[in-house]
Protein backbone atom coordinates (compact mmCIF):
# COMPACT_ATOMS: atom_id res chain seq x y z
CA MET A 1 -0.28 -0.13 -0.09
CA TYR A 2 1.48 3.38 -0.59
CA LYS A 3 0.34 6.65 1.13
CA ALA A 4 -1.02 9.98 -0.20
CA ILE A 5 -1.81 13.13 0.94
CA ILE A 6 -4.22 15.56 -0.99
CA ILE A 7 -3.18 19.54 -0.57
CA ASP A 8 -6.22 21.69 -1.63
CA ASP A 9 -7.74 24.63 -0.03
CA GLU A 10 -11.71 23.60 -1.16
CA ALA A 11 -12.81 20.60 1.58
CA LYS A 12 -15.20 19.99 -1.41
CA ALA A 13 -12.66 19.44 -3.90
CA ARG A 14 -10.31 17.48 -1.21
CA ARG A 15 -13.23 14.88 -0.19
CA LEU A 16 -13.98 14.57 -4.02
CA LEU A 17 -10.30 13.48 -5.23
CA GLN A 18 -10.24 11.48 -2.03
CA VAL A 19 -13.55 9.34 -3.13
CA LEU A 20 -12.07 8.91 -6.76
CA ILE A 21 -9.07 7.44 -5.70
CA GLU A 22 -10.86 5.16 -2.77
CA GLU A 23 -13.01 3.86 -5.58
CA ASN A 24 -10.61 3.56 -8.65
CA CYS A 25 -6.70 3.42 -6.96
CA PRO A 26 -6.65 0.71 -4.58
CA GLU A 27 -3.24 0.64 -3.53
CA LEU A 28 -3.26 4.24 -2.39
CA GLU A 29 -4.04 4.66 1.23
CA ILE A 30 -4.98 8.87 1.55
CA VAL A 31 -3.46 9.53 5.21
CA ALA A 32 -3.50 13.00 5.29
CA MET A 33 -5.73 16.33 3.91
CA ALA A 34 -4.37 19.85 3.98
CA GLU A 35 -5.84 22.79 2.78
CA ASP A 36 -2.77 25.17 2.66
CA VAL A 37 1.24 24.35 2.19
CA PRO A 38 2.35 24.78 5.80
CA SER A 39 -0.20 22.50 7.11
CA ALA A 40 1.33 20.36 4.19
CA VAL A 41 4.74 20.32 4.76
CA LYS A 42 3.98 19.37 8.65
CA LEU A 43 1.83 16.42 7.25
CA ILE A 44 4.62 15.55 4.68
CA HIS A 45 7.33 15.23 7.40
CA GLN A 46 5.35 13.36 9.95
CA HIS A 47 3.98 10.82 7.45
CA LYS A 48 6.37 10.83 4.62
CA PRO A 49 4.22 9.71 2.12
CA ASP A 50 4.90 8.04 -1.59
CA ILE A 51 2.70 10.54 -3.60
CA VAL A 52 1.34 14.31 -2.87
CA PHE A 53 -1.62 15.24 -4.97
CA SER A 54 -1.74 19.23 -4.74
CA ASP A 55 -3.75 21.98 -6.03
CA ILE A 56 -1.56 25.17 -7.62
CA ASP A 57 -4.26 28.48 -6.33
CA MET A 58 -4.15 28.65 -2.86
CA PRO A 59 -3.85 31.49 -0.45
CA GLN A 60 -0.65 32.06 0.95
CA TYR A 61 1.48 29.98 -0.67
CA ASP A 62 0.83 28.00 -4.26
CA GLY A 63 1.24 24.06 -5.27
CA PHE A 64 4.70 25.07 -6.66
CA GLN A 65 5.83 27.03 -3.56
CA LEU A 66 5.48 23.94 -1.49
CA LEU A 67 8.48 22.14 -2.90
CA ASP A 68 10.78 25.21 -1.39
CA PHE A 69 9.93 23.70 2.09
CA VAL A 70 10.03 20.11 1.15
CA ASP A 71 12.24 17.48 -0.72
CA LYS A 72 10.58 16.56 -3.76
CA THR A 73 12.55 13.50 -4.09
CA ASP A 74 11.12 12.11 -1.03
CA PHE A 75 7.60 11.63 -3.19
CA GLU A 76 5.93 11.90 -6.63
CA LEU A 77 4.04 15.23 -6.85
CA ILE A 78 0.87 15.20 -8.94
CA TYR A 79 -0.79 18.83 -9.23
CA CYS A 80 -4.57 19.13 -9.71
CA THR A 81 -5.91 21.79 -10.67
CA ALA A 82 -8.94 23.78 -13.05
CA HIS A 83 -6.53 25.86 -14.82
CA ASN A 84 -4.42 24.36 -17.82
CA ASP A 85 -2.00 27.13 -17.67
CA TYR A 86 0.45 25.92 -15.29
CA ALA A 87 1.05 22.78 -17.25
CA LEU A 88 4.77 23.70 -18.75
CA ARG A 89 5.76 25.02 -15.15
CA ALA A 90 4.31 21.91 -13.68
CA PHE A 91 6.43 19.59 -15.57
CA GLU A 92 9.57 21.80 -15.01
CA VAL A 93 9.56 20.44 -11.22
CA SER A 94 9.35 17.10 -12.66
CA ALA A 95 5.90 16.78 -11.68
CA VAL A 96 4.83 13.22 -12.47
CA ASP A 97 1.79 14.59 -14.32
CA TYR A 98 -1.09 17.59 -14.00
CA LEU A 99 -4.26 16.59 -14.20
CA VAL A 100 -7.48 19.31 -14.80
CA LYS A 101 -10.23 19.42 -12.98
CA PRO A 102 -12.96 18.10 -13.08
CA ILE A 103 -10.52 15.64 -13.58
CA GLN A 104 -11.12 12.29 -15.44
CA ILE A 105 -10.67 8.59 -13.77
CA SER A 106 -9.02 7.39 -16.71
CA LEU A 107 -6.38 10.18 -16.24
CA LEU A 108 -6.29 9.98 -12.75
CA VAL A 109 -5.64 5.98 -12.50
CA LYS A 110 -2.71 6.89 -15.40
CA ALA A 111 -1.35 9.32 -13.13
CA VAL A 112 -1.28 7.23 -10.12
CA GLU A 113 0.24 4.39 -12.05
CA LYS A 114 3.05 6.27 -13.55
CA ALA A 115 3.68 7.89 -9.96
CA ILE A 116 4.14 4.29 -8.34
CA ARG A 117 6.00 2.92 -11.72
CA LEU A 118 8.31 5.75 -10.81
CA ARG A 119 8.06 4.71 -6.87
CA ASN A 120 9.24 0.93 -7.60
CA ALA A 121 12.04 1.92 -10.03
CA ALA A 122 13.67 4.05 -7.74
CA PRO A 123 14.37 6.30 -10.96
CA THR A 124 18.10 8.01 -11.28
CA VAL A 125 17.96 12.02 -12.31
CA VAL A 126 18.21 10.72 -15.86
CA GLU A 127 15.07 8.16 -15.58
CA ARG A 128 12.90 11.42 -14.16
CA LEU A 129 14.48 13.56 -16.80
CA ASP A 130 12.81 10.94 -19.26
CA VAL A 131 9.80 10.77 -18.01
CA LEU A 132 9.39 14.58 -17.77
CA LYS A 133 10.24 14.50 -21.23
CA GLU A 134 7.56 12.02 -21.95
CA ASN A 135 4.94 14.33 -20.01
CA LEU A 136 6.16 17.43 -22.28
CA LYS A 137 5.51 15.67 -25.39
CA ASP A 138 1.72 14.56 -24.50
CA LYS A 139 1.25 18.32 -22.58
CA VAL A 140 3.21 20.75 -24.86
CA LEU A 141 1.01 23.77 -25.22
CA LYS A 142 -0.77 23.92 -28.41
CA LYS A 143 -3.73 25.74 -27.69
CA ILE A 144 -4.92 28.39 -25.47
CA ALA A 145 -8.29 29.34 -24.15
CA LEU A 146 -9.02 33.04 -24.18
CA PRO A 147 -12.14 34.62 -22.38
CA VAL A 148 -14.35 36.37 -24.32
CA ALA A 149 -17.84 38.22 -23.55
CA ASP A 150 -19.66 35.22 -23.80
CA GLY A 151 -17.10 32.53 -22.73
CA LEU A 152 -14.07 30.80 -23.92
CA LYS A 153 -12.87 30.83 -26.84
CA PHE A 154 -10.31 28.19 -27.89
CA VAL A 155 -6.90 29.25 -30.24
CA ALA A 156 -4.28 27.48 -31.34
CA LEU A 157 -0.79 28.90 -30.48
CA SER A 158 0.07 28.53 -34.42
CA ASP A 159 -3.02 31.19 -35.21
CA ILE A 160 -1.35 33.68 -33.22
CA LEU A 161 1.27 36.15 -34.77
CA TYR A 162 1.51 38.63 -32.06
CA LEU A 163 0.23 40.01 -28.94
CA GLU A 164 0.34 43.78 -28.07
CA ALA A 165 -0.06 45.28 -24.82
CA ASP A 166 -3.02 47.83 -23.73
CA GLY A 167 -2.80 48.57 -20.05
CA ALA A 168 -4.71 46.05 -18.26
CA TYR A 169 -5.65 44.37 -21.39
CA THR A 170 -3.83 42.40 -24.62
CA HIS A 171 -4.92 42.25 -28.16
CA VAL A 172 -4.11 39.21 -29.53
CA VAL A 173 -3.70 39.45 -33.17
CA LEU A 174 -4.74 36.20 -35.59
CA ALA A 175 -3.28 35.26 -38.44
CA ASP A 176 -6.40 36.00 -40.46
CA ASN A 177 -5.58 39.45 -38.88
CA ALA A 178 -8.74 38.86 -36.13
CA ARG A 179 -7.66 41.10 -32.76
CA LEU A 180 -9.05 39.68 -29.46
CA LEU A 181 -9.13 42.17 -26.96
CA ILE A 182 -8.78 39.88 -23.84
CA SER A 183 -8.58 41.42 -20.26
CA LYS A 184 -5.09 40.38 -19.00
CA LYS A 185 -2.05 41.57 -18.79
CA LEU A 186 0.65 40.90 -21.62
CA LYS A 187 2.90 39.46 -18.50
CA GLU A 188 0.37 37.15 -17.97
CA PHE A 189 0.69 36.06 -21.69
CA GLU A 190 4.23 35.76 -21.23
CA THR A 191 4.44 33.33 -18.27
CA MET A 192 1.92 31.33 -19.95
CA LEU A 193 3.70 30.84 -22.91
CA SER A 194 7.63 30.77 -21.00
CA GLY A 195 8.27 27.45 -22.36
CA VAL A 196 6.83 27.71 -26.21
CA ASP A 197 9.99 27.98 -28.14
CA ASN A 198 8.58 30.13 -30.64
CA PHE A 199 7.27 33.07 -28.78
CA PHE A 200 9.52 36.09 -27.87
CA ARG A 201 9.10 39.91 -26.66
CA THR A 202 10.29 42.26 -28.63
CA HIS A 203 9.32 44.81 -26.61
CA ARG A 204 7.42 45.85 -23.46
CA SER A 205 4.48 45.95 -25.38
CA TYR A 206 4.78 42.92 -27.93
CA ILE A 207 5.46 38.85 -27.63
CA ILE A 208 5.47 37.68 -31.51
CA ASN A 209 4.96 34.31 -32.62
CA THR A 210 8.58 34.06 -34.37
CA ASP A 211 6.82 31.59 -37.22
CA ALA A 212 4.94 34.72 -38.76
CA ILE A 213 8.52 36.93 -38.89
CA THR A 214 8.66 37.96 -42.85
CA GLU A 215 11.68 40.41 -41.93
CA TYR A 216 14.16 42.11 -39.64
CA ILE A 217 14.95 45.48 -40.12
CA LYS A 218 17.93 47.03 -38.36
CA SER A 219 17.11 50.63 -39.55
CA ASP A 220 15.30 53.37 -36.65
CA GLY A 221 16.30 51.56 -33.80
CA GLY A 222 15.38 48.44 -35.30
CA SER A 223 11.72 46.65 -35.90
CA ILE A 224 10.16 42.92 -37.31
CA LEU A 225 7.81 42.48 -40.30
CA MET A 226 5.29 40.26 -39.35
CA SER A 227 3.04 38.38 -41.66
CA ASN A 228 0.34 40.55 -42.04
CA GLN A 229 2.55 43.50 -42.70
CA VAL A 230 2.97 45.19 -39.04
CA SER A 231 5.90 46.08 -37.96
CA VAL A 232 6.55 45.44 -34.41
CA PRO A 233 9.30 47.43 -32.30
CA LEU A 234 12.69 45.20 -31.18
CA ALA A 235 13.41 46.94 -27.91
CA ARG A 236 17.13 47.27 -27.70
CA GLU A 237 17.58 45.57 -24.46
CA ARG A 238 16.21 42.58 -26.58
CA LYS A 239 18.23 42.73 -29.97
CA ASP A 240 20.80 40.49 -28.57
CA ASP A 241 18.21 37.78 -27.31
CA PHE A 242 16.59 37.95 -30.84
CA GLN A 243 20.02 37.51 -32.91
CA ARG A 244 20.93 34.25 -30.73
CA LEU A 245 17.25 33.24 -31.44
CA ILE A 246 17.83 33.64 -35.47
CA GLN A 247 21.55 32.76 -35.23
CA ASP A 248 20.31 28.66 -35.90
CA ILE A 249 18.49 30.17 -39.30
CA ARG A 250 20.62 32.77 -40.68
CA LEU A 251 22.70 32.04 -43.82
């Protein structure tokens, strides 16, 4: 029997996950549940669990900050969250899996099986990196869900030309020249896209899809021409990074 701990600030969510695990993962025993990171740290030290299921958005400390207080190598970590924005960051910290609420039973079972396999194998650093690569291959961000007036609009990253800041809002410009005004700051998009190679912040007001670049213009301080013929500024402090970015494709 493998010991598990659940961390979630919502009592209903803790109880629901407990029931799902008890009904579908008989090899696990829920030894404790916590409503926040500080109490979870105490329980982890006390019970020494094999697997920790953690929410991400919680008061005071989030699920990523849990790793500032405990040794990740002592247990396998599975994130359970209502948001899909953190997937890449979750796998960057070598989480076994990332489950989006409402949690699908088949995905929960698969995540638990993966965690137990890792637990039994006592994997080396290289083996853990192989698992991380496998996770990233399955979960790499291909679409984002943009909040619009009447719900969510799902947009393929390949369809985005660039993003332009507008105060507390961001204009998302698409390949068909449609412009979506989204009530999120550009910084939030930068964080979300941080693990996606072909998105690059050229300026405090712009993030571009490098696949949509048609020309780099060095004059007048530097600018980048996009496939829709819009010229995007390149900040002086970003030029060196941009040069490194295009080095592999430059003749």
